[in-house]
Amino acid sequence: MRVKRGQTTRKKHKKIMKQVKGMSHHRTSSIKGAKEALLKSLSYSYRDRRTKKRAFRALWITRISAACKENGTKYSEFMKSLKDRNIELDRKILADLAATEPEVFKKLIK
C-alpha cells in the first residue's frame, strides 16, 4: 500500500507559514520564499542576540562617560578609581545612576 504524505506536508507548511506571519510579498504566499525568509530571519536573530549585548555595553559606557565629563573627570579614571576602592557596580547600574540620580553619581565620583 502506498503512503500518502499530504497531511504531513501540510502540517510542515502550516508551521512555516505561521512563523513568517507578518512578513510581506513572496515570503507569505510561497512555501519556498517562506522557507528562505525563515532561515535568514533565524540566522539574523541568532547573530543579533549577541550584537545586542555589545550595543548595550557601548550605550552604558557613553552615558557614564557623559556623566563623568559633567563632573570633571574622565571615564577611564573613574572606572579605575572604582576598581581600586573595590566598588563592584556594573556599567548597567552606573549608567542608570548617571541618568536617573545624578546626585548619587556625583558622590560616587568623589
Protein backbone atom coordinates (compact mmCIF):
# COMPACT_ATOMS: atom_id res chain seq x y z
CA MET A 1 0.00 0.00 0.00
CA ARG A 2 1.37 3.40 -0.90
CA VAL A 3 1.87 6.09 1.70
CA LYS A 4 0.29 9.46 1.01
CA ARG A 5 2.21 12.35 2.54
CA GLY A 6 -0.23 15.21 2.07
CA GLN A 7 -1.15 15.52 5.74
CA THR A 8 2.48 15.63 6.93
CA THR A 9 3.48 18.15 4.27
CA ARG A 10 0.53 20.38 5.08
CA LYS A 11 1.47 20.38 8.78
CA LYS A 12 5.07 21.34 7.93
CA HIS A 13 3.91 24.08 5.60
CA LYS A 14 1.43 25.46 8.15
CA LYS A 15 4.20 25.56 10.76
CA ILE A 16 6.46 27.54 8.41
CA MET A 17 3.68 29.88 7.29
CA LYS A 18 2.79 30.59 10.92
CA GLN A 19 6.40 31.62 11.61
CA VAL A 20 6.56 34.02 8.64
CA LYS A 21 3.28 35.71 9.54
CA GLY A 22 3.75 39.46 9.32
CA MET A 23 6.34 39.34 6.54
CA SER A 24 5.42 40.68 3.15
CA HIS A 25 5.16 39.72 -0.54
CA HIS A 26 6.58 36.41 -1.77
CA ARG A 27 7.53 35.39 1.76
CA THR A 28 3.97 34.78 2.91
CA SER A 29 2.45 33.39 -0.25
CA SER A 30 5.05 30.85 -1.34
CA ILE A 31 6.48 28.00 0.72
CA LYS A 32 9.87 28.27 -0.95
CA GLY A 33 10.07 32.01 -0.29
CA ALA A 34 8.85 31.49 3.26
CA LYS A 35 11.50 28.86 3.98
CA GLU A 36 14.27 31.12 2.70
CA ALA A 37 12.95 34.09 4.69
CA LEU A 38 12.67 31.96 7.81
CA LEU A 39 16.24 30.65 7.55
CA LYS A 40 17.53 34.19 7.05
CA SER A 41 15.49 35.65 9.91
CA LEU A 42 16.55 32.90 12.32
CA SER A 43 20.21 33.45 11.48
CA TYR A 44 19.78 37.21 11.98
CA SER A 45 18.08 36.69 15.33
CA TYR A 46 20.88 34.36 16.49
CA ARG A 47 23.53 36.88 15.41
CA ASP A 48 21.74 39.88 16.86
CA ARG A 49 21.22 38.33 20.29
CA ARG A 50 25.00 38.61 20.59
CA THR A 51 25.23 42.03 18.94
CA LYS A 52 22.64 43.42 21.36
CA LYS A 53 24.96 42.79 24.30
CA ARG A 54 27.74 44.77 22.60
CA ALA A 55 25.42 47.61 21.67
CA PHE A 56 24.08 48.00 25.21
CA ARG A 57 27.55 47.96 26.73
CA ALA A 58 28.61 50.74 24.33
CA LEU A 59 25.49 52.74 25.27
CA TRP A 60 26.18 52.37 29.01
CA ILE A 61 29.80 53.45 28.55
CA THR A 62 28.68 56.53 26.58
CA ARG A 63 26.21 57.50 29.31
CA ILE A 64 28.74 57.03 32.11
CA SER A 65 31.35 58.96 30.14
CA ALA A 66 28.96 61.88 29.59
CA ALA A 67 28.12 62.00 33.30
CA CYS A 68 31.82 61.87 34.20
CA LYS A 69 32.58 64.81 31.89
CA GLU A 70 29.82 66.83 33.56
CA ASN A 71 31.53 66.23 36.89
CA GLY A 72 35.03 66.99 35.63
CA THR A 73 36.63 63.57 35.36
CA LYS A 74 37.43 61.04 32.66
CA TYR A 75 35.64 57.73 32.18
CA SER A 76 38.83 55.69 32.44
CA GLU A 77 39.95 57.47 35.64
CA PHE A 78 36.51 56.98 37.16
CA MET A 79 36.44 53.25 36.37
CA LYS A 80 39.98 52.78 37.74
CA SER A 81 39.10 54.58 40.97
CA LEU A 82 36.04 52.34 41.40
CA LYS A 83 38.18 49.26 40.89
CA ASP A 84 40.85 50.49 43.32
CA ARG A 85 38.21 51.06 46.01
CA ASN A 86 36.62 47.64 45.36
CA ILE A 87 33.27 49.14 44.37
CA GLU A 88 31.71 46.45 42.24
CA LEU A 89 28.93 48.19 40.35
CA ASP A 90 28.49 47.11 36.75
CA ARG A 91 28.17 49.53 33.86
CA LYS A 92 24.43 48.99 33.54
CA ILE A 93 23.81 50.16 37.12
CA LEU A 94 26.28 53.05 36.79
CA ALA A 95 24.59 54.26 33.59
CA ASP A 96 21.20 54.08 35.29
CA LEU A 97 22.51 56.04 38.27
CA ALA A 98 24.04 58.65 35.97
CA ALA A 99 20.74 59.14 34.15
CA THR A 100 18.20 58.94 36.99
CA GLU A 101 20.10 60.00 40.12
CA PRO A 102 22.91 62.43 39.26
CA GLU A 103 23.47 63.38 42.93
CA VAL A 104 24.30 59.78 43.89
CA PHE A 105 26.56 59.51 40.85
CA LYS A 106 28.33 62.71 41.90
CA LYS A 107 29.02 61.17 45.34
CA LEU A 108 30.46 58.08 43.63
CA ILE A 109 32.88 60.26 41.67
CA LYS A 110 34.10 61.95 44.87
